[in-house]
């Protein structure tokens, strides 16, 4: 259960890295670079915290989803996914605080993609 959420975030890092290579916009290139560099560390922290809390290793599915057509679409879909699925994770404040940091990273990256060109 937790593995799907975490793997979606890890795929988002890979997908935004791919989109980072595809863009012709310097501002988008920089925003995506900052995003895919920061997200894996947050996912690592979240995974280790969940495993420490539950005393169980997370099982990850073998699924992969390809990047969206645009960076904006990729981040908007990720934003919605996190909002809709964060309640599948433990409700403990330390876990939800890390999810808040991930949501903040998504939100600030969306700001950069929408308004900084």
C-alpha atoms as a PDB file:
ATOM      1  CA  UNK A   1       0.000   0.000   0.000  1.00  0.00           C
ATOM      2  CA  UNK A   2       2.670   2.503   0.994  1.00  0.00           C
ATOM      3  CA  UNK A   3       4.895   1.238  -1.799  1.00  0.00           C
ATOM      4  CA  UNK A   4       2.591   2.525  -4.528  1.00  0.00           C
ATOM      5  CA  UNK A   5       2.607   6.045  -3.070  1.00  0.00           C
ATOM      6  CA  UNK A   6       6.374   6.076  -2.640  1.00  0.00           C
ATOM      7  CA  UNK A   7       7.027   4.577  -6.071  1.00  0.00           C
ATOM      8  CA  UNK A   8       4.784   7.177  -7.693  1.00  0.00           C
ATOM      9  CA  UNK A   9       6.963   9.872  -6.136  1.00  0.00           C
ATOM     10  CA  UNK A  10      10.161   8.165  -7.278  1.00  0.00           C
ATOM     11  CA  UNK A  11       8.760   7.869 -10.807  1.00  0.00           C
ATOM     12  CA  UNK A  12       7.895  11.566 -10.678  1.00  0.00           C
ATOM     13  CA  UNK A  13      11.560  12.324 -10.008  1.00  0.00           C
ATOM     14  CA  UNK A  14      12.582  10.236 -13.017  1.00  0.00           C
ATOM     15  CA  UNK A  15       9.843  11.663 -15.211  1.00  0.00           C
ATOM     16  CA  UNK A  16      10.652  15.265 -14.367  1.00  0.00           C
ATOM     17  CA  UNK A  17      14.300  14.490 -15.074  1.00  0.00           C
ATOM     18  CA  UNK A  18      13.261  13.274 -18.539  1.00  0.00           C
ATOM     19  CA  UNK A  19      11.096  16.366 -19.071  1.00  0.00           C
ATOM     20  CA  UNK A  20      14.029  18.503 -17.891  1.00  0.00           C
ATOM     21  CA  UNK A  21      15.994  17.184 -20.883  1.00  0.00           C
ATOM     22  CA  UNK A  22      13.124  17.798 -23.310  1.00  0.00           C
ATOM     23  CA  UNK A  23      12.273  21.401 -22.507  1.00  0.00           C
ATOM     24  CA  UNK A  24      13.408  24.362 -24.568  1.00  0.00           C
ATOM     25  CA  UNK A  25      12.668  26.775 -21.723  1.00  0.00           C
ATOM     26  CA  UNK A  26      15.558  27.702 -19.466  1.00  0.00           C
ATOM     27  CA  UNK A  27      13.203  28.578 -16.580  1.00  0.00           C
ATOM     28  CA  UNK A  28      11.420  25.232 -16.891  1.00  0.00           C
ATOM     29  CA  UNK A  29      14.758  23.418 -17.172  1.00  0.00           C
ATOM     30  CA  UNK A  30      15.940  25.006 -13.914  1.00  0.00           C
ATOM     31  CA  UNK A  31      12.637  24.453 -12.068  1.00  0.00           C
ATOM     32  CA  UNK A  32      12.550  20.791 -13.039  1.00  0.00           C
ATOM     33  CA  UNK A  33      16.219  20.373 -12.139  1.00  0.00           C
ATOM     34  CA  UNK A  34      15.601  21.663  -8.636  1.00  0.00           C
ATOM     35  CA  UNK A  35      12.537  19.431  -8.319  1.00  0.00           C
ATOM     36  CA  UNK A  36      14.090  16.139  -9.394  1.00  0.00           C
ATOM     37  CA  UNK A  37      17.167  16.809  -7.257  1.00  0.00           C
ATOM     38  CA  UNK A  38      15.136  17.473  -4.082  1.00  0.00           C
ATOM     39  CA  UNK A  39      12.370  14.887  -4.388  1.00  0.00           C
ATOM     40  CA  UNK A  40      14.403  11.659  -3.990  1.00  0.00           C
ATOM     41  CA  UNK A  41      15.855  12.801  -0.652  1.00  0.00           C
ATOM     42  CA  UNK A  42      12.359  13.582   0.633  1.00  0.00           C
ATOM     43  CA  UNK A  43      11.080  10.193  -0.555  1.00  0.00           C
ATOM     44  CA  UNK A  44      14.050   8.508   1.116  1.00  0.00           C
ATOM     45  CA  UNK A  45      13.253  10.271   4.391  1.00  0.00           C
ATOM     46  CA  UNK A  46       9.566   9.380   4.090  1.00  0.00           C
ATOM     47  CA  UNK A  47      10.286   5.720   3.309  1.00  0.00           C
ATOM     48  CA  UNK A  48      12.720   5.305   6.173  1.00  0.00           C
ATOM     49  CA  UNK A  49      10.364   7.052   8.587  1.00  0.00           C
ATOM     50  CA  UNK A  50       7.452   4.813   7.583  1.00  0.00           C
ATOM     51  CA  UNK A  51       9.628   1.706   7.945  1.00  0.00           C
ATOM     52  CA  UNK A  52      10.902   2.877  11.323  1.00  0.00           C
ATOM     53  CA  UNK A  53       7.374   3.617  12.509  1.00  0.00           C
ATOM     54  CA  UNK A  54       5.769   0.410  11.281  1.00  0.00           C
ATOM     55  CA  UNK A  55       8.705  -1.931  11.819  1.00  0.00           C
ATOM     56  CA  UNK A  56       8.134  -3.353   8.338  1.00  0.00           C
ATOM     57  CA  UNK A  57       9.929  -2.932   5.032  1.00  0.00           C
ATOM     58  CA  UNK A  58       7.868  -1.309   2.298  1.00  0.00           C
ATOM     59  CA  UNK A  59       6.993  -3.531  -0.657  1.00  0.00           C
ATOM     60  CA  UNK A  60       7.204  -1.748  -3.992  1.00  0.00           C
ATOM     61  CA  UNK A  61       5.114  -2.673  -7.038  1.00  0.00           C
ATOM     62  CA  UNK A  62       6.814  -3.240 -10.390  1.00  0.00           C
ATOM     63  CA  UNK A  63       4.715  -0.653 -12.252  1.00  0.00           C
ATOM     64  CA  UNK A  64       6.058   2.354 -14.113  1.00  0.00           C
ATOM     65  CA  UNK A  65       4.219   5.217 -15.750  1.00  0.00           C
ATOM     66  CA  UNK A  66       5.686   7.310 -18.538  1.00  0.00           C
ATOM     67  CA  UNK A  67       6.028  11.088 -18.229  1.00  0.00           C
ATOM     68  CA  UNK A  68       3.093  13.320 -19.090  1.00  0.00           C
ATOM     69  CA  UNK A  69       3.280  15.340 -22.298  1.00  0.00           C
ATOM     70  CA  UNK A  70       4.319  18.487 -20.431  1.00  0.00           C
ATOM     71  CA  UNK A  71       6.047  19.323 -17.184  1.00  0.00           C
ATOM     72  CA  UNK A  72       3.031  21.313 -16.043  1.00  0.00           C
ATOM     73  CA  UNK A  73       0.743  18.345 -16.612  1.00  0.00           C
ATOM     74  CA  UNK A  74       3.168  15.991 -14.822  1.00  0.00           C
ATOM     75  CA  UNK A  75       3.278  18.219 -11.733  1.00  0.00           C
ATOM     76  CA  UNK A  76      -0.462  18.938 -11.719  1.00  0.00           C
ATOM     77  CA  UNK A  77      -1.214  15.221 -11.859  1.00  0.00           C
ATOM     78  CA  UNK A  78       1.310  14.559  -9.086  1.00  0.00           C
ATOM     79  CA  UNK A  79      -0.204  17.322  -6.956  1.00  0.00           C
ATOM     80  CA  UNK A  80      -3.638  15.719  -7.321  1.00  0.00           C
ATOM     81  CA  UNK A  81      -2.252  12.243  -6.624  1.00  0.00           C
ATOM     82  CA  UNK A  82      -0.604  13.362  -3.386  1.00  0.00           C
ATOM     83  CA  UNK A  83      -3.790  15.146  -2.248  1.00  0.00           C
ATOM     84  CA  UNK A  84      -5.965  12.127  -2.985  1.00  0.00           C
ATOM     85  CA  UNK A  85      -3.657   9.423  -1.628  1.00  0.00           C
ATOM     86  CA  UNK A  86      -1.764  10.856   1.335  1.00  0.00           C
ATOM     87  CA  UNK A  87      -4.382   9.367   3.647  1.00  0.00           C
ATOM     88  CA  UNK A  88      -3.139   5.874   2.680  1.00  0.00           C
ATOM     89  CA  UNK A  89      -0.006   6.616   4.721  1.00  0.00           C
ATOM     90  CA  UNK A  90       0.187   6.561   8.509  1.00  0.00           C
ATOM     91  CA  UNK A  91      -1.551   9.563  10.075  1.00  0.00           C
ATOM     92  CA  UNK A  92       1.319  10.213  12.493  1.00  0.00           C
ATOM     93  CA  UNK A  93       2.378  13.860  12.351  1.00  0.00           C
ATOM     94  CA  UNK A  94       6.012  13.114  11.536  1.00  0.00           C
ATOM     95  CA  UNK A  95       4.939  11.160   8.434  1.00  0.00           C
ATOM     96  CA  UNK A  96       2.381  13.740   7.327  1.00  0.00           C
ATOM     97  CA  UNK A  97       4.921  16.546   7.870  1.00  0.00           C
ATOM     98  CA  UNK A  98       7.248  14.927   5.331  1.00  0.00           C
ATOM     99  CA  UNK A  99       4.316  14.603   2.922  1.00  0.00           C
ATOM    100  CA  UNK A 100       3.679  18.314   3.534  1.00  0.00           C
ATOM    101  CA  UNK A 101       7.267  19.041   2.485  1.00  0.00           C
ATOM    102  CA  UNK A 102       6.742  17.030  -0.692  1.00  0.00           C
ATOM    103  CA  UNK A 103       3.461  18.849  -1.389  1.00  0.00           C
ATOM    104  CA  UNK A 104       5.240  22.168  -0.832  1.00  0.00           C
ATOM    105  CA  UNK A 105       7.959  21.190  -3.316  1.00  0.00           C
ATOM    106  CA  UNK A 106       5.276  20.310  -5.870  1.00  0.00           C
ATOM    107  CA  UNK A 107       3.410  23.579  -5.238  1.00  0.00           C
ATOM    108  CA  UNK A 108       6.476  25.795  -5.522  1.00  0.00           C
ATOM    109  CA  UNK A 109       7.573  24.002  -8.680  1.00  0.00           C
ATOM    110  CA  UNK A 110       4.117  24.513 -10.167  1.00  0.00           C
ATOM    111  CA  UNK A 111       4.412  28.224  -9.363  1.00  0.00           C
ATOM    112  CA  UNK A 112       7.725  28.362 -11.228  1.00  0.00           C
ATOM    113  CA  UNK A 113       6.343  26.457 -14.217  1.00  0.00           C
ATOM    114  CA  UNK A 114       3.240  28.635 -14.469  1.00  0.00           C
ATOM    115  CA  UNK A 115       4.674  32.093 -13.841  1.00  0.00           C
ATOM    116  CA  UNK A 116       8.435  32.143 -14.422  1.00  0.00           C
ATOM    117  CA  UNK A 117       9.175  31.839 -18.098  1.00  0.00           C
END
